[in-house]
Amino acid sequence: MFGLIVKITSVDGERDNLMSILQNGTANMPGNISYTIAKDQENHNEIWITEVWDSQANQEASIELASVQDAIGKGRPLIAGMSRVATTTPLAR
């Protein structure tokens, strides 16, 4: 398995809109076991994404999906910053 933890900072006041775009754009991704979108409890603009995939190849291929490309297009103007916090090897789901 392959995992990622990503932190996204939204433009001020756009976190909920961005989370909705991400939720709609990441449903039904082949090889995805879990894609959790969570609000940071202290910073009202931060979002945490925790991903679990059956393989790194499927995670990398997901960027080419039409739904993901659409989410990127809609979400990009709402993103103030983004960082990959950790790459993980999940042992269980």
N, C-alpha and C. Protein backbone atom coordinates (compact mmCIF):
# COMPACT_ATOMS: atom_id res chain seq x y z
N MET A 1 0.83 -1.18 0.00
CA MET A 1 0.00 0.00 0.00
C MET A 1 0.88 1.25 0.00
N PHE A 2 0.25 2.35 -0.38
CA PHE A 2 0.94 3.63 -0.48
C PHE A 2 0.06 4.70 0.14
N GLY A 3 0.65 5.62 0.90
CA GLY A 3 -0.13 6.67 1.54
C GLY A 3 0.52 8.03 1.44
N LEU A 4 -0.32 9.04 1.52
CA LEU A 4 0.13 10.43 1.53
C LEU A 4 -0.65 11.20 2.58
N ILE A 5 0.02 12.17 3.17
CA ILE A 5 -0.64 13.15 4.03
C ILE A 5 -0.27 14.51 3.46
N VAL A 6 -1.29 15.29 3.13
CA VAL A 6 -1.10 16.57 2.47
C VAL A 6 -1.84 17.65 3.25
N LYS A 7 -1.21 18.83 3.37
CA LYS A 7 -1.86 19.98 3.98
C LYS A 7 -2.12 21.01 2.90
N ILE A 8 -3.38 21.46 2.81
CA ILE A 8 -3.75 22.49 1.86
C ILE A 8 -4.26 23.69 2.66
N THR A 9 -3.79 24.86 2.30
CA THR A 9 -4.29 26.09 2.90
C THR A 9 -5.14 26.80 1.86
N SER A 10 -6.38 27.05 2.22
CA SER A 10 -7.28 27.72 1.30
C SER A 10 -7.11 29.24 1.38
N VAL A 11 -7.57 29.90 0.35
CA VAL A 11 -7.72 31.34 0.39
C VAL A 11 -8.69 31.63 1.54
N ASP A 12 -8.48 32.73 2.24
CA ASP A 12 -9.30 33.05 3.41
C ASP A 12 -10.80 32.97 3.10
N GLY A 13 -11.49 32.18 3.90
CA GLY A 13 -12.93 32.04 3.78
C GLY A 13 -13.41 31.04 2.74
N GLU A 14 -12.51 30.37 2.05
CA GLU A 14 -12.90 29.45 0.97
C GLU A 14 -12.71 27.97 1.31
N ARG A 15 -12.39 27.67 2.57
CA ARG A 15 -12.10 26.28 2.92
C ARG A 15 -13.27 25.34 2.61
N ASP A 16 -14.47 25.68 3.01
CA ASP A 16 -15.61 24.79 2.79
C ASP A 16 -15.88 24.58 1.30
N ASN A 17 -15.77 25.65 0.51
CA ASN A 17 -15.95 25.51 -0.94
C ASN A 17 -14.89 24.58 -1.53
N LEU A 18 -13.65 24.76 -1.11
CA LEU A 18 -12.56 23.92 -1.60
C LEU A 18 -12.76 22.47 -1.18
N MET A 19 -13.18 22.26 0.05
CA MET A 19 -13.42 20.89 0.51
C MET A 19 -14.52 20.21 -0.31
N SER A 20 -15.55 20.94 -0.66
CA SER A 20 -16.63 20.40 -1.48
C SER A 20 -16.13 20.01 -2.87
N ILE A 21 -15.32 20.87 -3.46
CA ILE A 21 -14.74 20.56 -4.77
C ILE A 21 -13.88 19.31 -4.68
N LEU A 22 -13.05 19.21 -3.66
CA LEU A 22 -12.20 18.03 -3.49
C LEU A 22 -13.03 16.77 -3.29
N GLN A 23 -14.06 16.86 -2.48
CA GLN A 23 -14.89 15.70 -2.21
C GLN A 23 -15.56 15.20 -3.50
N ASN A 24 -16.09 16.11 -4.29
CA ASN A 24 -16.76 15.72 -5.53
C ASN A 24 -15.79 15.19 -6.57
N GLY A 25 -14.59 15.74 -6.60
CA GLY A 25 -13.63 15.37 -7.64
C GLY A 25 -12.82 14.12 -7.36
N THR A 26 -12.90 13.60 -6.13
CA THR A 26 -12.05 12.46 -5.78
C THR A 26 -12.85 11.19 -5.49
N ALA A 27 -14.11 11.17 -5.82
CA ALA A 27 -14.91 9.95 -5.64
C ALA A 27 -14.55 8.96 -6.76
N ASN A 28 -14.60 7.70 -6.46
CA ASN A 28 -14.42 6.63 -7.46
C ASN A 28 -13.09 6.67 -8.20
N MET A 29 -12.00 6.79 -7.46
CA MET A 29 -10.67 6.75 -8.07
C MET A 29 -10.15 5.31 -7.99
N PRO A 30 -9.83 4.70 -9.13
CA PRO A 30 -9.34 3.32 -9.13
C PRO A 30 -8.11 3.15 -8.24
N GLY A 31 -8.15 2.14 -7.38
CA GLY A 31 -7.03 1.84 -6.49
C GLY A 31 -7.04 2.61 -5.19
N ASN A 32 -7.97 3.55 -5.04
CA ASN A 32 -8.02 4.33 -3.81
C ASN A 32 -8.78 3.56 -2.74
N ILE A 33 -8.15 3.40 -1.60
CA ILE A 33 -8.76 2.70 -0.47
C ILE A 33 -9.43 3.70 0.47
N SER A 34 -8.79 4.85 0.66
CA SER A 34 -9.33 5.87 1.56
C SER A 34 -8.80 7.23 1.14
N TYR A 35 -9.70 8.22 1.10
CA TYR A 35 -9.33 9.60 0.81
C TYR A 35 -10.10 10.46 1.78
N THR A 36 -9.46 10.83 2.88
CA THR A 36 -10.12 11.56 3.95
C THR A 36 -9.76 13.03 3.87
N ILE A 37 -10.79 13.86 3.82
CA ILE A 37 -10.65 15.31 3.78
C ILE A 37 -11.11 15.82 5.14
N ALA A 38 -10.23 16.54 5.85
CA ALA A 38 -10.55 16.97 7.22
C ALA A 38 -10.20 18.43 7.44
N LYS A 39 -11.04 19.11 8.23
CA LYS A 39 -10.77 20.49 8.63
C LYS A 39 -9.77 20.51 9.77
N ASP A 40 -8.81 21.42 9.70
CA ASP A 40 -7.91 21.65 10.82
C ASP A 40 -8.73 22.30 11.93
N GLN A 41 -8.54 21.86 13.15
CA GLN A 41 -9.32 22.39 14.27
C GLN A 41 -8.86 23.75 14.75
N GLU A 42 -7.64 24.17 14.40
CA GLU A 42 -7.11 25.44 14.89
C GLU A 42 -7.02 26.52 13.82
N ASN A 43 -6.77 26.15 12.59
CA ASN A 43 -6.63 27.13 11.51
C ASN A 43 -7.82 27.00 10.57
N HIS A 44 -8.64 28.04 10.48
CA HIS A 44 -9.87 27.98 9.70
C HIS A 44 -9.67 27.95 8.19
N ASN A 45 -8.44 27.99 7.71
CA ASN A 45 -8.15 27.90 6.29
C ASN A 45 -7.43 26.61 5.90
N GLU A 46 -7.08 25.76 6.86
CA GLU A 46 -6.29 24.57 6.54
C GLU A 46 -7.16 23.32 6.42
N ILE A 47 -6.74 22.49 5.47
CA ILE A 47 -7.37 21.21 5.18
C ILE A 47 -6.29 20.14 5.21
N TRP A 48 -6.61 19.00 5.79
CA TRP A 48 -5.70 17.85 5.81
C TRP A 48 -6.30 16.75 4.94
N ILE A 49 -5.49 16.21 4.04
CA ILE A 49 -5.89 15.10 3.19
C ILE A 49 -5.04 13.90 3.57
N THR A 50 -5.70 12.81 3.90
CA THR A 50 -5.00 11.56 4.20
C THR A 50 -5.44 10.53 3.16
N GLU A 51 -4.50 10.05 2.36
CA GLU A 51 -4.80 9.14 1.26
C GLU A 51 -4.18 7.77 1.52
N VAL A 52 -4.93 6.72 1.20
CA VAL A 52 -4.41 5.36 1.21
C VAL A 52 -4.77 4.74 -0.14
N TRP A 53 -3.76 4.19 -0.79
CA TRP A 53 -3.89 3.60 -2.13
C TRP A 53 -3.38 2.17 -2.13
N ASP A 54 -3.85 1.41 -3.08
CA ASP A 54 -3.32 0.04 -3.21
C ASP A 54 -1.91 0.04 -3.81
N SER A 55 -1.56 1.14 -4.51
CA SER A 55 -0.20 1.25 -5.06
C SER A 55 0.12 2.71 -5.37
N GLN A 56 1.40 3.00 -5.40
CA GLN A 56 1.84 4.35 -5.77
C GLN A 56 1.48 4.65 -7.21
N ALA A 57 1.53 3.63 -8.07
CA ALA A 57 1.19 3.83 -9.48
C ALA A 57 -0.25 4.32 -9.64
N ASN A 58 -1.19 3.75 -8.90
CA ASN A 58 -2.57 4.20 -8.99
C ASN A 58 -2.74 5.61 -8.45
N GLN A 59 -2.00 5.95 -7.40
CA GLN A 59 -2.07 7.31 -6.87
C GLN A 59 -1.57 8.29 -7.94
N GLU A 60 -0.46 7.98 -8.55
CA GLU A 60 0.11 8.86 -9.57
C GLU A 60 -0.80 8.96 -10.80
N ALA A 61 -1.46 7.86 -11.17
CA ALA A 61 -2.36 7.85 -12.33
C ALA A 61 -3.64 8.65 -12.06
N SER A 62 -4.00 8.81 -10.80
CA SER A 62 -5.26 9.49 -10.48
C SER A 62 -5.28 10.93 -10.97
N ILE A 63 -4.13 11.55 -11.10
CA ILE A 63 -4.06 12.94 -11.53
C ILE A 63 -4.61 13.12 -12.95
N GLU A 64 -4.63 12.05 -13.72
CA GLU A 64 -5.10 12.11 -15.11
C GLU A 64 -6.61 11.89 -15.24
N LEU A 65 -7.28 11.48 -14.16
CA LEU A 65 -8.72 11.26 -14.23
C LEU A 65 -9.46 12.56 -14.52
N ALA A 66 -10.49 12.49 -15.35
CA ALA A 66 -11.25 13.69 -15.71
C ALA A 66 -11.82 14.39 -14.48
N SER A 67 -12.32 13.63 -13.53
CA SER A 67 -12.91 14.23 -12.33
C SER A 67 -11.86 14.95 -11.50
N VAL A 68 -10.66 14.40 -11.43
CA VAL A 68 -9.58 15.03 -10.68
C VAL A 68 -9.10 16.29 -11.41
N GLN A 69 -8.97 16.21 -12.72
CA GLN A 69 -8.57 17.38 -13.50
C GLN A 69 -9.59 18.52 -13.36
N ASP A 70 -10.87 18.16 -13.33
CA ASP A 70 -11.93 19.15 -13.14
C ASP A 70 -11.80 19.80 -11.76
N ALA A 71 -11.56 18.97 -10.74
CA ALA A 71 -11.40 19.50 -9.37
C ALA A 71 -10.18 20.41 -9.28
N ILE A 72 -9.10 20.05 -9.95
CA ILE A 72 -7.91 20.90 -9.95
C ILE A 72 -8.23 22.25 -10.57
N GLY A 73 -8.93 22.23 -11.69
CA GLY A 73 -9.28 23.48 -12.36
C GLY A 73 -10.17 24.38 -11.51
N LYS A 74 -11.15 23.78 -10.86
CA LYS A 74 -12.07 24.55 -10.02
C LYS A 74 -11.41 24.97 -8.70
N GLY A 75 -10.57 24.10 -8.15
CA GLY A 75 -10.00 24.35 -6.84
C GLY A 75 -8.77 25.22 -6.81
N ARG A 76 -8.00 25.22 -7.86
CA ARG A 76 -6.72 25.96 -7.89
C ARG A 76 -6.87 27.42 -7.45
N PRO A 77 -7.88 28.17 -7.91
CA PRO A 77 -7.99 29.57 -7.47
C PRO A 77 -8.29 29.73 -5.97
N LEU A 78 -8.73 28.66 -5.32
CA LEU A 78 -9.08 28.71 -3.90
C LEU A 78 -7.94 28.27 -3.00
N ILE A 79 -6.80 27.88 -3.58
CA ILE A 79 -5.66 27.37 -2.82
C ILE A 79 -4.60 28.45 -2.64
N ALA A 80 -4.28 28.72 -1.37
CA ALA A 80 -3.22 29.67 -1.05
C ALA A 80 -1.87 28.98 -0.90
N GLY A 81 -1.89 27.68 -0.54
CA GLY A 81 -0.65 26.94 -0.36
C GLY A 81 -0.93 25.46 -0.18
N MET A 82 0.08 24.66 -0.45
CA MET A 82 -0.08 23.22 -0.34
C MET A 82 1.29 22.60 -0.06
N SER A 83 1.30 21.57 0.80
CA SER A 83 2.56 20.86 1.06
C SER A 83 2.30 19.40 1.33
N ARG A 84 3.19 18.58 0.81
CA ARG A 84 3.16 17.15 1.10
C ARG A 84 3.88 16.98 2.43
N VAL A 85 3.13 16.56 3.44
CA VAL A 85 3.67 16.44 4.79
C VAL A 85 4.42 15.13 4.95
N ALA A 86 3.84 14.05 4.42
CA ALA A 86 4.46 12.74 4.61
C ALA A 86 4.02 11.78 3.52
N THR A 87 4.94 10.90 3.14
CA THR A 87 4.63 9.74 2.32
C THR A 87 4.71 8.54 3.26
N THR A 88 3.68 7.69 3.23
CA THR A 88 3.62 6.61 4.21
C THR A 88 3.43 5.25 3.53
N THR A 89 3.66 4.22 4.30
CA THR A 89 3.36 2.85 3.89
C THR A 89 2.35 2.28 4.87
N PRO A 90 1.06 2.45 4.58
CA PRO A 90 0.03 1.95 5.50
C PRO A 90 0.12 0.42 5.63
N LEU A 91 -0.10 -0.07 6.84
CA LEU A 91 -0.09 -1.49 7.08
C LEU A 91 -1.50 -2.08 7.10
N ALA A 92 -2.47 -1.27 7.42
CA ALA A 92 -3.85 -1.73 7.49
C ALA A 92 -4.76 -0.55 7.20
N ARG A 93 -6.00 -0.87 6.84
CA ARG A 93 -6.95 0.22 6.60
C ARG A 93 -8.03 0.23 7.63
